[in-house]
N, C-alpha and C. Protein backbone atom coordinates (compact mmCIF):
# COMPACT_ATOMS: atom_id res chain seq x y z
N MET A 1 0.78 -1.27 -0.11
CA MET A 1 0.24 0.29 0.15
C MET A 1 0.81 0.99 -0.21
N SER A 2 0.67 2.25 -0.30
CA SER A 2 0.89 3.24 -1.21
C SER A 2 1.54 4.36 0.64
N ILE A 3 2.58 4.84 0.91
CA ILE A 3 2.28 5.14 2.68
C ILE A 3 1.82 6.59 1.95
N PRO A 4 2.44 7.68 1.24
CA PRO A 4 1.29 9.05 1.03
C PRO A 4 -0.19 8.60 1.01
N LEU A 5 -1.04 7.55 0.44
CA LEU A 5 -2.06 7.23 0.78
C LEU A 5 -2.53 7.01 2.35
N VAL A 6 -1.53 6.49 2.87
CA VAL A 6 -2.20 6.27 4.44
C VAL A 6 -2.07 7.92 5.23
N ILE A 7 -0.34 8.61 4.97
CA ILE A 7 -0.25 9.45 4.99
C ILE A 7 -1.71 10.37 4.78
N LEU A 8 -2.17 10.82 3.16
CA LEU A 8 -3.50 11.68 3.58
C LEU A 8 -4.49 11.35 4.10
N GLY A 9 -4.75 10.14 4.11
CA GLY A 9 -5.68 9.66 4.04
C GLY A 9 -6.02 9.68 5.89
N LEU A 10 -5.18 9.84 6.65
CA LEU A 10 -5.22 9.66 7.83
C LEU A 10 -5.30 11.02 8.30
N LEU A 11 -4.31 12.28 7.33
CA LEU A 11 -4.45 13.70 7.72
C LEU A 11 -6.09 14.26 7.06
N MET A 12 -7.02 13.29 6.32
CA MET A 12 -8.13 13.77 6.09
C MET A 12 -8.97 13.96 7.14
N GLU A 13 -8.88 13.29 8.29
CA GLU A 13 -8.93 12.99 9.78
C GLU A 13 -8.81 14.30 10.57
N GLY A 14 -7.96 14.72 10.51
CA GLY A 14 -7.42 15.86 11.44
C GLY A 14 -5.95 16.14 11.15
N ASP A 15 -5.24 17.28 11.27
CA ASP A 15 -3.84 17.14 12.12
C ASP A 15 -3.36 16.55 12.45
N LYS A 16 -2.11 16.30 12.22
CA LYS A 16 -1.49 15.06 12.97
C LYS A 16 0.32 15.63 12.74
N HIS A 17 0.88 14.41 14.01
CA HIS A 17 2.40 14.60 13.24
C HIS A 17 3.00 13.40 13.15
N PRO A 18 3.91 13.16 11.90
CA PRO A 18 4.17 11.86 11.48
C PRO A 18 4.51 10.29 12.93
N TYR A 19 4.31 10.66 14.37
CA TYR A 19 4.47 9.72 15.02
C TYR A 19 2.85 9.78 15.72
N GLN A 20 2.08 10.55 15.53
CA GLN A 20 0.91 10.12 15.82
C GLN A 20 -0.03 9.80 14.45
N ILE A 21 0.68 9.54 13.65
CA ILE A 21 0.49 8.73 12.24
C ILE A 21 0.76 6.61 12.51
N GLN A 22 2.26 6.78 12.82
CA GLN A 22 2.06 5.33 13.04
C GLN A 22 1.74 4.84 14.34
N GLN A 23 1.16 5.72 15.33
CA GLN A 23 0.83 5.72 16.42
C GLN A 23 -0.75 4.57 15.90
N ILE A 24 -1.30 5.32 15.19
CA ILE A 24 -2.92 5.39 14.72
C ILE A 24 -2.97 4.33 13.52
N VAL A 25 -1.24 3.72 12.85
CA VAL A 25 -1.53 2.13 12.16
C VAL A 25 -1.30 1.20 13.22
N ASN A 26 -0.52 0.95 14.28
CA ASN A 26 -0.17 0.25 15.04
C ASN A 26 -1.67 0.06 15.96
N GLU A 27 -2.29 1.15 16.37
CA GLU A 27 -3.63 0.71 16.99
C GLU A 27 -4.39 0.26 16.16
N ARG A 28 -4.95 0.85 14.79
CA ARG A 28 -6.01 0.38 14.02
C ARG A 28 -5.89 -0.90 13.70
N GLN A 29 -4.51 -1.93 14.22
CA GLN A 29 -4.12 -3.00 13.49
C GLN A 29 -3.84 -3.26 11.89
N MET A 30 -3.64 -1.74 11.21
CA MET A 30 -3.11 -1.60 10.17
C MET A 30 -1.95 -2.08 9.59
N LYS A 31 -1.12 -2.62 10.73
CA LYS A 31 0.39 -3.17 10.49
C LYS A 31 0.07 -4.03 9.79
N TYR A 32 -1.37 -5.00 10.18
CA TYR A 32 -1.01 -6.47 9.63
C TYR A 32 -1.08 -5.95 7.92
N TYR A 33 -1.96 -5.01 7.51
CA TYR A 33 -2.01 -5.28 5.77
C TYR A 33 -0.74 -3.76 5.26
N ILE A 34 -0.59 -2.74 6.14
CA ILE A 34 0.17 -2.10 5.59
C ILE A 34 1.56 -2.17 6.26
N LYS A 35 2.52 -2.02 5.07
CA LYS A 35 4.17 -2.20 5.38
C LYS A 35 4.48 -1.03 5.56
N MET A 36 4.67 -0.80 6.73
CA MET A 36 5.46 1.48 7.21
C MET A 36 6.63 1.25 8.30
N ALA A 37 8.13 1.41 7.55
CA ALA A 37 9.03 1.32 8.10
C ALA A 37 8.78 2.71 8.79
N HIS A 38 9.41 2.91 9.92
CA HIS A 38 9.75 4.50 10.83
C HIS A 38 10.39 5.44 9.92
N GLY A 39 10.90 4.89 9.31
CA GLY A 39 12.30 6.16 8.46
C GLY A 39 11.42 6.18 7.05
N SER A 40 10.78 5.53 6.91
CA SER A 40 10.34 5.60 5.40
C SER A 40 8.94 6.72 5.66
N LEU A 41 8.53 6.44 6.73
CA LEU A 41 7.29 7.53 7.40
C LEU A 41 7.73 9.09 7.18
N TYR A 42 8.69 9.67 7.91
CA TYR A 42 9.29 10.58 7.69
C TYR A 42 9.46 11.55 6.63
N TYR A 43 10.43 10.49 6.08
CA TYR A 43 10.73 10.37 4.06
C TYR A 43 9.50 11.16 3.72
N ALA A 44 8.72 10.18 3.58
CA ALA A 44 7.30 10.76 3.15
C ALA A 44 6.41 11.85 3.22
N PHE A 45 6.49 11.90 4.25
CA PHE A 45 6.12 13.92 5.12
C PHE A 45 7.17 14.53 4.73
N ASP A 46 8.14 15.05 4.23
CA ASP A 46 9.06 15.64 3.68
C ASP A 46 8.82 15.66 2.29
N GLN A 47 8.21 14.34 1.53
CA GLN A 47 8.30 14.33 0.04
C GLN A 47 6.60 15.63 -0.37
N LEU A 48 6.12 14.70 0.66
CA LEU A 48 4.20 15.20 0.79
C LEU A 48 4.38 17.15 0.57
N GLU A 49 5.54 17.32 1.54
CA GLU A 49 5.40 18.80 1.79
C GLU A 49 5.91 19.51 0.46
N LYS A 50 7.36 19.06 -0.04
CA LYS A 50 7.91 19.55 -0.98
C LYS A 50 6.65 19.63 -2.33
N LYS A 51 5.85 18.85 -2.15
CA LYS A 51 4.82 18.79 -3.32
C LYS A 51 3.46 19.15 -3.46
N GLU A 52 4.17 20.45 -1.66
CA GLU A 52 2.86 20.79 -1.37
C GLU A 52 1.35 20.38 -1.41
N TYR A 53 1.34 19.27 -0.86
CA TYR A 53 0.33 18.32 -0.11
C TYR A 53 -0.15 18.30 1.03
N VAL A 54 0.71 18.50 1.77
CA VAL A 54 1.01 18.63 3.18
C VAL A 54 1.56 19.86 3.51
N GLU A 55 1.23 20.61 4.55
CA GLU A 55 1.95 21.83 5.30
C GLU A 55 2.40 21.98 6.75
N ILE A 56 2.82 22.16 7.20
CA ILE A 56 3.37 22.53 8.90
C ILE A 56 2.39 23.67 9.34
N VAL A 57 1.25 22.99 10.54
CA VAL A 57 0.37 24.01 10.80
C VAL A 57 0.86 24.47 12.06
N ASP A 58 1.85 23.55 13.05
CA ASP A 58 2.42 23.77 14.50
C ASP A 58 3.53 23.07 14.77
N VAL A 59 4.81 23.85 15.25
CA VAL A 59 5.74 22.96 16.02
C VAL A 59 5.78 22.73 17.62
N ILE A 60 5.40 21.76 18.00
CA ILE A 60 5.74 21.64 19.71
C ILE A 60 7.07 21.30 20.20
N LYS A 61 7.41 22.27 20.64
CA LYS A 61 8.54 22.31 21.68
C LYS A 61 8.18 21.99 22.82
N ASP A 62 9.30 21.00 23.13
CA ASP A 62 9.45 19.92 24.69
C ASP A 62 11.21 20.21 24.79
N THR A 63 11.31 20.09 26.27
CA THR A 63 12.72 20.66 26.21
C THR A 63 13.38 19.08 26.65
N ASN A 64 12.91 18.13 26.78
CA ASN A 64 12.96 16.75 27.15
C ASN A 64 13.05 15.74 25.62
N ARG A 65 11.83 16.52 24.76
CA ARG A 65 11.56 15.62 23.72
C ARG A 65 11.96 16.10 22.24
N PRO A 66 12.12 15.57 21.24
CA PRO A 66 12.21 16.22 19.88
C PRO A 66 11.48 17.21 19.52
N ASP A 67 11.32 18.09 18.88
CA ASP A 67 9.74 19.14 18.47
C ASP A 67 8.97 18.04 17.65
N LYS A 68 7.82 18.00 17.86
CA LYS A 68 6.42 17.85 17.15
C LYS A 68 6.02 18.36 15.91
N THR A 69 6.33 17.96 14.84
CA THR A 69 5.93 19.18 13.53
C THR A 69 4.47 18.65 12.77
N ILE A 70 3.46 19.36 13.57
CA ILE A 70 2.18 18.85 12.93
C ILE A 70 1.65 19.58 11.72
N TYR A 71 0.99 18.42 10.80
CA TYR A 71 1.40 18.56 9.50
C TYR A 71 -0.84 18.77 9.06
N ARG A 72 -0.82 19.38 8.01
CA ARG A 72 -2.47 19.43 7.94
C ARG A 72 -2.14 19.35 6.17
N ILE A 73 -3.59 18.35 5.49
CA ILE A 73 -3.62 18.34 4.35
C ILE A 73 -4.10 19.74 3.53
N THR A 74 -3.66 20.22 2.69
CA THR A 74 -3.71 20.51 1.67
C THR A 74 -5.06 20.54 0.51
N GLU A 75 -5.68 21.14 -0.13
CA GLU A 75 -6.36 21.51 -1.32
C GLU A 75 -5.74 20.35 -2.64
N ALA A 76 -4.54 20.82 -2.49
CA ALA A 76 -3.94 20.11 -3.51
C ALA A 76 -3.71 18.44 -3.08
N GLY A 77 -3.34 18.29 -1.65
CA GLY A 77 -2.97 17.13 -0.75
C GLY A 77 -4.34 16.06 -1.09
N LYS A 78 -5.67 16.92 -1.07
CA LYS A 78 -6.53 16.33 -1.17
C LYS A 78 -7.26 15.69 -2.63
N LYS A 79 -6.58 16.11 -3.50
CA LYS A 79 -6.85 16.16 -4.64
C LYS A 79 -5.77 14.67 -5.35
N GLU A 80 -4.77 14.80 -4.38
CA GLU A 80 -3.50 14.09 -4.77
C GLU A 80 -4.03 12.24 -4.12
N PHE A 81 -4.61 12.77 -3.16
CA PHE A 81 -5.54 11.86 -2.61
C PHE A 81 -6.38 10.79 -2.90
N GLU A 82 -7.73 11.53 -3.38
CA GLU A 82 -8.68 11.32 -4.12
C GLU A 82 -7.41 10.73 -5.58
N GLN A 83 -6.88 10.50 -6.20
CA GLN A 83 -5.98 10.04 -7.17
C GLN A 83 -5.66 8.75 -6.51
N LEU A 84 -4.36 8.86 -5.63
CA LEU A 84 -4.06 7.81 -5.14
C LEU A 84 -5.03 6.37 -4.42
N LEU A 85 -5.83 7.24 -4.29
CA LEU A 85 -6.87 6.30 -3.72
C LEU A 85 -8.16 5.34 -4.63
N MET A 86 -7.68 5.96 -5.80
CA MET A 86 -8.80 5.39 -7.30
C MET A 86 -7.42 5.09 -7.15
N LYS A 87 -6.38 5.49 -8.22
CA LYS A 87 -5.24 4.10 -7.95
C LYS A 87 -4.80 3.40 -7.34
N GLN A 88 -4.74 2.89 -6.55
CA GLN A 88 -4.80 2.06 -5.68
C GLN A 88 -5.73 0.67 -5.72
N LEU A 89 -7.12 1.61 -5.48
CA LEU A 89 -8.65 0.89 -5.45
C LEU A 89 -8.38 -0.59 -6.88
N GLU A 90 -8.18 0.49 -8.17
CA GLU A 90 -7.83 -0.19 -9.14
C GLU A 90 -6.92 -1.03 -9.23
N LYS A 91 -5.55 -1.16 -8.70
CA LYS A 91 -4.33 -1.64 -8.74
C LYS A 91 -4.87 -3.43 -8.46
N LYS A 92 -4.18 -4.12 -9.73
CA LYS A 92 -4.05 -5.20 -10.24
C LYS A 92 -3.72 -6.04 -8.66
N GLU A 93 -4.43 -7.05 -7.97
CA GLU A 93 -3.41 -7.72 -6.98
C GLU A 93 -2.82 -9.06 -7.66
N HIS A 94 -1.91 -9.21 -7.20
CA HIS A 94 -0.63 -10.43 -7.51
C HIS A 94 -0.66 -11.43 -6.59
N MET A 95 -0.67 -12.44 -6.97
CA MET A 95 -1.12 -13.66 -6.50
C MET A 95 0.69 -14.27 -6.30
N GLN A 96 1.44 -13.71 -6.48
CA GLN A 96 3.09 -14.53 -6.51
C GLN A 96 3.32 -14.66 -4.60
N ARG A 97 3.32 -15.54 -4.15
CA ARG A 97 3.94 -16.08 -2.78
C ARG A 97 4.53 -16.64 -2.88
N PRO A 98 5.78 -16.41 -1.74
CA PRO A 98 7.43 -17.11 -1.20
C PRO A 98 7.06 -18.66 -0.68
N ILE A 99 6.30 -18.61 -0.72
CA ILE A 99 6.09 -20.31 -0.80
C ILE A 99 5.65 -21.58 -1.76
N TYR A 100 5.14 -20.41 -3.14
CA TYR A 100 4.36 -21.18 -4.25
C TYR A 100 6.31 -21.60 -4.77
N ALA A 101 6.79 -20.23 -4.77
CA ALA A 101 8.40 -21.29 -5.67
C ALA A 101 9.28 -22.29 -4.31
N ALA A 102 9.06 -22.45 -3.67
CA ALA A 102 9.63 -23.27 -2.60
C ALA A 102 9.31 -24.44 -2.96
N LEU A 103 7.56 -24.53 -3.04
CA LEU A 103 7.07 -25.96 -2.83
C LEU A 103 7.30 -26.71 -4.46
N THR A 104 7.31 -26.06 -4.71
CA THR A 104 7.97 -26.93 -6.24
C THR A 104 8.97 -27.02 -6.46
N PHE A 105 10.32 -26.98 -5.36
CA PHE A 105 11.12 -27.88 -5.22
C PHE A 105 11.14 -28.75 -4.07
N THR A 106 10.23 -29.06 -3.21
CA THR A 106 10.16 -29.71 -1.59
C THR A 106 10.69 -31.20 -2.13
N SER A 107 10.89 -31.47 -3.65
CA SER A 107 11.39 -33.14 -3.50
C SER A 107 12.79 -33.42 -3.64
N TYR A 108 13.34 -32.14 -3.76
CA TYR A 108 15.05 -32.00 -3.23
C TYR A 108 15.51 -31.90 -1.48
N ALA A 109 14.08 -31.66 -0.85
CA ALA A 109 14.52 -31.45 0.63
C ALA A 109 13.90 -32.53 1.18
N ASP A 110 13.89 -32.45 2.82
CA ASP A 110 14.14 -33.32 3.83
C ASP A 110 12.42 -33.58 4.43
N SER A 111 11.78 -34.09 3.76
CA SER A 111 10.30 -33.88 4.27
C SER A 111 9.77 -33.40 5.46
N GLU A 112 10.91 -34.03 6.69
CA GLU A 112 10.27 -33.65 7.77
C GLU A 112 10.84 -32.21 8.22
N ASP A 113 11.71 -31.65 7.27
CA ASP A 113 11.77 -30.52 7.66
C ASP A 113 10.80 -29.20 7.47
N VAL A 114 10.05 -29.94 6.28
CA VAL A 114 9.32 -29.42 4.87
C VAL A 114 7.68 -29.15 6.17
N LEU A 115 7.44 -30.47 6.21
CA LEU A 115 6.35 -30.67 7.34
C LEU A 115 6.76 -29.42 8.41
N HIS A 116 7.96 -29.55 8.96
CA HIS A 116 7.75 -28.88 10.51
C HIS A 116 7.58 -27.09 10.26
N VAL A 117 8.46 -27.07 9.03
CA VAL A 117 8.36 -25.13 8.52
C VAL A 117 6.75 -25.38 7.88
N LEU A 118 6.05 -26.34 7.55
CA LEU A 118 4.61 -25.83 7.18
C LEU A 118 3.49 -26.17 8.94
N GLU A 119 3.84 -26.53 9.38
CA GLU A 119 3.10 -26.81 10.87
C GLU A 119 3.49 -25.58 11.18
N LYS A 120 4.06 -25.19 11.39
CA LYS A 120 4.69 -23.43 11.96
C LYS A 120 3.75 -22.56 11.38
N LYS A 121 4.00 -22.26 9.84
CA LYS A 121 3.38 -21.52 8.90
C LYS A 121 1.97 -21.52 9.35
N ARG A 122 1.31 -22.34 9.96
CA ARG A 122 0.18 -23.22 9.64
C ARG A 122 -0.20 -22.57 11.55
N GLU A 123 0.30 -22.60 12.43
CA GLU A 123 0.48 -22.32 13.30
C GLU A 123 0.49 -20.32 13.79
N GLU A 124 1.21 -19.93 12.62
CA GLU A 124 1.30 -18.60 12.67
C GLU A 124 0.00 -18.21 12.30
N ALA A 125 -0.50 -18.46 11.18
CA ALA A 125 -1.79 -18.01 10.69
C ALA A 125 -2.61 -18.68 11.56
N SER A 126 -2.78 -19.35 12.38
CA SER A 126 -4.32 -19.20 13.53
C SER A 126 -4.03 -18.53 14.49
N SER A 127 -2.57 -17.97 14.86
CA SER A 127 -2.15 -17.10 15.56
C SER A 127 -2.74 -15.53 15.27
N LEU A 128 -2.27 -14.84 13.84
CA LEU A 128 -2.85 -14.11 13.32
C LEU A 128 -4.07 -13.63 12.99
N LEU A 129 -5.12 -15.47 12.83
CA LEU A 129 -6.85 -15.09 12.56
C LEU A 129 -7.54 -14.91 14.36
N LYS A 130 -6.56 -15.34 14.82
CA LYS A 130 -7.76 -15.30 16.47
C LYS A 130 -6.92 -13.50 16.63
N LYS A 131 -6.28 -13.14 16.50
CA LYS A 131 -5.97 -11.74 16.65
C LYS A 131 -7.39 -10.89 15.82
N MET A 132 -7.37 -10.88 14.48
CA MET A 132 -7.95 -10.78 13.51
C MET A 132 -9.61 -10.94 14.02
N GLU A 133 -9.79 -12.16 14.49
CA GLU A 133 -11.09 -11.97 15.17
C GLU A 133 -11.46 -11.82 16.09
N TRP A 134 -10.70 -11.20 17.14
CA TRP A 134 -10.75 -10.59 18.63
C TRP A 134 -10.71 -8.95 17.27
N LEU A 135 -10.12 -8.49 17.03
CA LEU A 135 -10.11 -7.03 16.00
C LEU A 135 -11.41 -6.97 15.98
N TYR A 136 -11.92 -7.70 14.94
CA TYR A 136 -13.07 -7.54 14.37
C TYR A 136 -14.46 -7.53 15.29
N ALA A 137 -14.14 -8.57 16.73
CA ALA A 137 -15.40 -8.34 17.31
C ALA A 137 -15.20 -7.28 18.03
N ARG A 138 -14.07 -6.26 18.76
CA ARG A 138 -13.51 -5.70 18.80
C ARG A 138 -14.66 -4.14 18.02
N LYS A 139 -14.25 -3.99 17.25
CA LYS A 139 -14.64 -3.05 16.08
C LYS A 139 -15.87 -2.77 15.45
N GLU A 140 -16.66 -4.33 15.20
CA GLU A 140 -17.71 -4.14 14.75
C GLU A 140 -18.68 -3.21 14.77
N LYS A 141 -18.86 -2.99 15.76
CA LYS A 141 -20.46 -1.61 16.16
C LYS A 141 -19.28 -0.27 15.57
N GLU A 142 -18.36 -0.04 15.75
CA GLU A 142 -17.63 1.53 15.73
C GLU A 142 -16.99 1.56 14.35
N GLU A 143 -17.00 0.60 13.67
CA GLU A 143 -15.83 0.93 12.31
C GLU A 143 -16.74 1.39 11.51
N GLU A 144 -16.02 1.90 10.37
CA GLU A 144 -17.03 2.17 8.84
C GLU A 144 -16.85 0.58 8.19
N ILE A 145 -18.28 0.47 7.96
CA ILE A 145 -18.38 -0.56 6.67
C ILE A 145 -16.91 -1.35 6.12
N ALA A 146 -16.82 -0.12 5.45
CA ALA A 146 -15.52 -0.65 4.54
C ALA A 146 -14.24 -1.55 5.37
N LYS A 147 -13.96 -0.22 6.01
CA LYS A 147 -12.61 -0.71 6.95
C LYS A 147 -12.77 -1.91 7.90
N LEU A 148 -14.21 -2.52 8.17
CA LEU A 148 -14.36 -3.86 8.44
C LEU A 148 -14.19 -4.90 7.64
N TYR A 149 -14.58 -4.28 5.91
CA TYR A 149 -14.20 -5.42 4.89
C TYR A 149 -13.44 -5.99 4.84
N ILE A 150 -11.78 -4.67 5.59
CA ILE A 150 -10.56 -5.63 5.19
C ILE A 150 -10.52 -6.62 6.05
N VAL A 151 -10.69 -6.21 7.40
CA VAL A 151 -10.59 -7.44 8.55
C VAL A 151 -11.12 -8.85 8.28
N ILE A 152 -12.77 -8.66 7.13
CA ILE A 152 -13.38 -9.51 6.68
C ILE A 152 -12.30 -10.43 5.67
N ARG A 153 -12.09 -9.48 5.17
CA ARG A 153 -11.00 -10.57 3.99
C ARG A 153 -10.11 -11.01 4.63
N VAL A 154 -9.18 -10.43 5.43
CA VAL A 154 -8.08 -10.99 6.50
C VAL A 154 -8.40 -12.20 6.62
N ILE A 155 -9.46 -12.20 7.68
CA ILE A 155 -9.73 -13.49 8.45
C ILE A 155 -10.46 -14.57 7.39
N MET A 156 -11.08 -14.19 5.64
CA MET A 156 -11.89 -15.16 4.77
C MET A 156 -10.44 -15.90 4.60
N HIS A 157 -9.04 -14.73 4.46
CA HIS A 157 -7.97 -15.10 3.72
C HIS A 157 -6.86 -16.17 4.31
N LEU A 158 -7.42 -15.90 5.55
CA LEU A 158 -6.44 -16.54 6.68
C LEU A 158 -7.74 -17.98 6.82
N LYS A 159 -8.27 -18.29 6.54
CA LYS A 159 -9.06 -19.21 6.92
C LYS A 159 -8.83 -20.44 5.92
N ALA A 160 -8.65 -19.93 4.27
CA ALA A 160 -8.63 -20.44 3.53
C ALA A 160 -6.88 -21.04 3.77
N GLU A 161 -6.45 -20.09 4.53
CA GLU A 161 -4.81 -20.58 4.17
C GLU A 161 -4.03 -21.26 4.97
N ILE A 162 -5.16 -21.86 6.17
CA ILE A 162 -5.37 -22.19 7.52
C ILE A 162 -5.48 -23.96 6.86
N THR A 163 -6.38 -24.15 5.86
CA THR A 163 -7.23 -25.41 5.15
C THR A 163 -6.34 -25.30 4.11
N TRP A 164 -5.68 -24.50 3.43
CA TRP A 164 -4.17 -24.77 2.54
C TRP A 164 -3.50 -25.77 2.59
N LEU A 165 -2.67 -25.12 3.88
CA LEU A 165 -1.43 -25.47 4.53
C LEU A 165 -1.90 -26.88 5.55
N GLU A 166 -3.28 -27.07 5.85
CA GLU A 166 -3.48 -28.36 6.93
C GLU A 166 -3.61 -29.29 5.58
N HIS A 167 -3.94 -29.05 4.40
CA HIS A 167 -3.99 -30.32 2.94
C HIS A 167 -2.34 -30.50 3.03
N LEU A 168 -1.78 -29.36 2.50
CA LEU A 168 -0.47 -29.39 2.57
C LEU A 168 0.51 -30.34 3.34
N ILE A 169 0.10 -30.25 4.61
CA ILE A 169 0.12 -30.89 5.55
C ILE A 169 0.69 -32.57 5.62
N GLU A 170 -1.13 -32.32 5.82
CA GLU A 170 -1.47 -34.04 5.53
C GLU A 170 -0.70 -34.86 4.17
N GLU A 171 -0.91 -34.28 3.14
CA GLU A 171 0.13 -34.56 2.33
C GLU A 171 1.71 -34.84 2.50
N THR A 172 1.95 -34.17 3.21
CA THR A 172 3.88 -34.37 2.99
C THR A 172 3.82 -35.34 4.58
N LYS A 173 2.70 -35.75 5.31
CA LYS A 173 2.73 -36.77 6.38
C LYS A 173 2.42 -37.95 5.24
N GLN A 174 1.54 -37.84 4.52
CA GLN A 174 1.30 -38.95 3.87
C GLN A 174 3.08 -39.00 2.85
N GLY A 175 3.73 -38.62 2.84
CA GLY A 175 4.52 -38.25 2.04
C GLY A 175 4.23 -38.57 0.51
N ARG A 176 3.39 -37.24 -0.32
CA ARG A 176 2.73 -37.08 -1.41
C ARG A 176 2.77 -36.02 -2.27
N LEU A 177 3.67 -35.58 -1.82
CA LEU A 177 3.57 -34.12 -2.25
C LEU A 177 4.73 -33.66 -3.57
N GLN A 178 4.87 -35.10 -4.27
CA GLN A 178 5.58 -35.44 -4.89
C GLN A 178 4.68 -36.68 -6.09
N HIS A 179 3.80 -36.41 -6.04
CA HIS A 179 2.22 -37.76 -6.32
C HIS A 179 1.90 -36.68 -7.51
N LYS A 180 1.72 -37.34 -8.76
CA LYS A 180 0.77 -36.69 -10.00
C LYS A 180 -0.52 -36.62 -9.79
N ASP A 181 -1.16 -36.89 -8.57
CA ASP A 181 -2.80 -37.74 -8.54
C ASP A 181 -3.42 -36.65 -7.41
N LEU A 182 -4.54 -36.33 -7.39
CA LEU A 182 -4.55 -35.23 -6.20
C LEU A 182 -6.43 -35.75 -5.83
N PRO A 183 -5.95 -37.39 -5.33
CA PRO A 183 -7.68 -37.36 -4.94
C PRO A 183 -8.03 -36.86 -3.64
N MET A 184 -7.48 -36.20 -2.60
CA MET A 184 -7.65 -35.38 -1.71
C MET A 184 -7.94 -34.22 -2.04
N LEU A 185 -7.47 -33.17 -3.33
CA LEU A 185 -8.16 -31.67 -3.39
C LEU A 185 -9.08 -31.85 -4.20
N SER A 186 -9.18 -33.03 -4.63
CA SER A 186 -10.33 -33.17 -5.51
C SER A 186 -11.64 -33.34 -5.16
N THR A 187 -11.56 -33.88 -4.04
CA THR A 187 -13.02 -34.34 -3.22
C THR A 187 -13.21 -32.80 -2.19
N SER A 188 -12.37 -32.51 -1.49
CA SER A 188 -12.90 -31.97 -0.15
C SER A 188 -12.29 -30.32 0.05
N LEU A 189 -11.24 -30.08 -1.42
CA LEU A 189 -11.44 -28.92 -1.54
C LEU A 189 -12.22 -27.67 -2.57
N PHE A 190 -12.45 -29.06 -3.40
CA PHE A 190 -13.06 -28.01 -4.73
C PHE A 190 -14.54 -28.83 -4.55
N GLY A 191 -14.77 -29.41 -4.02
CA GLY A 191 -16.03 -30.51 -4.24
C GLY A 191 -16.10 -31.67 -4.83
N GLU A 192 -17.30 -32.22 -5.00
CA GLU A 192 -17.47 -33.65 -5.58
C GLU A 192 -17.53 -33.71 -6.85
N ASN A 193 -18.01 -32.65 -7.60
CA ASN A 193 -18.32 -32.29 -8.94
C ASN A 193 -16.69 -32.03 -9.74
N SER A 194 -15.27 -31.54 -8.75
CA SER A 194 -14.50 -31.18 -9.76
C SER A 194 -13.95 -32.10 -10.63
């Protein structure tokens, strides 16, 4: 996701300093679907200011801490936000995942090692699923529907991921990853008529 889109979108809610943006990303659990390094956030603010999409409205000075620069979105920034939003909505989603390349070559790996990694990935996905279900339960009455649909999609994706991993784990346990027929998949994943 575009860091400028996130910054401008959160500034649409009101004036903020960069650290507040980082806190909001964490508080709203956006960190699960937005990659944002601390340094890149400040760099993005600088770039947005140079392009006059944001402007400084205040600098809060504290003797014990670094100054906090408060930013506001400009009219040009609102137009840029709209363009970034539409561009992000239209962006084609890619299905490449690192695990796909690795699965291609599992016949050259120790099956116990493969099994261990798959089980670990299933546990990680299950843990994240619990967090996202907790987040949904906490937010379902107070968040906009569009924001809830992000969490719903993540939950749906994680459930599918866990099911897929469970099938891979079972095939690995049975020593079938290199076989060429898929009896388990044809009936349990895609239904009887596949």
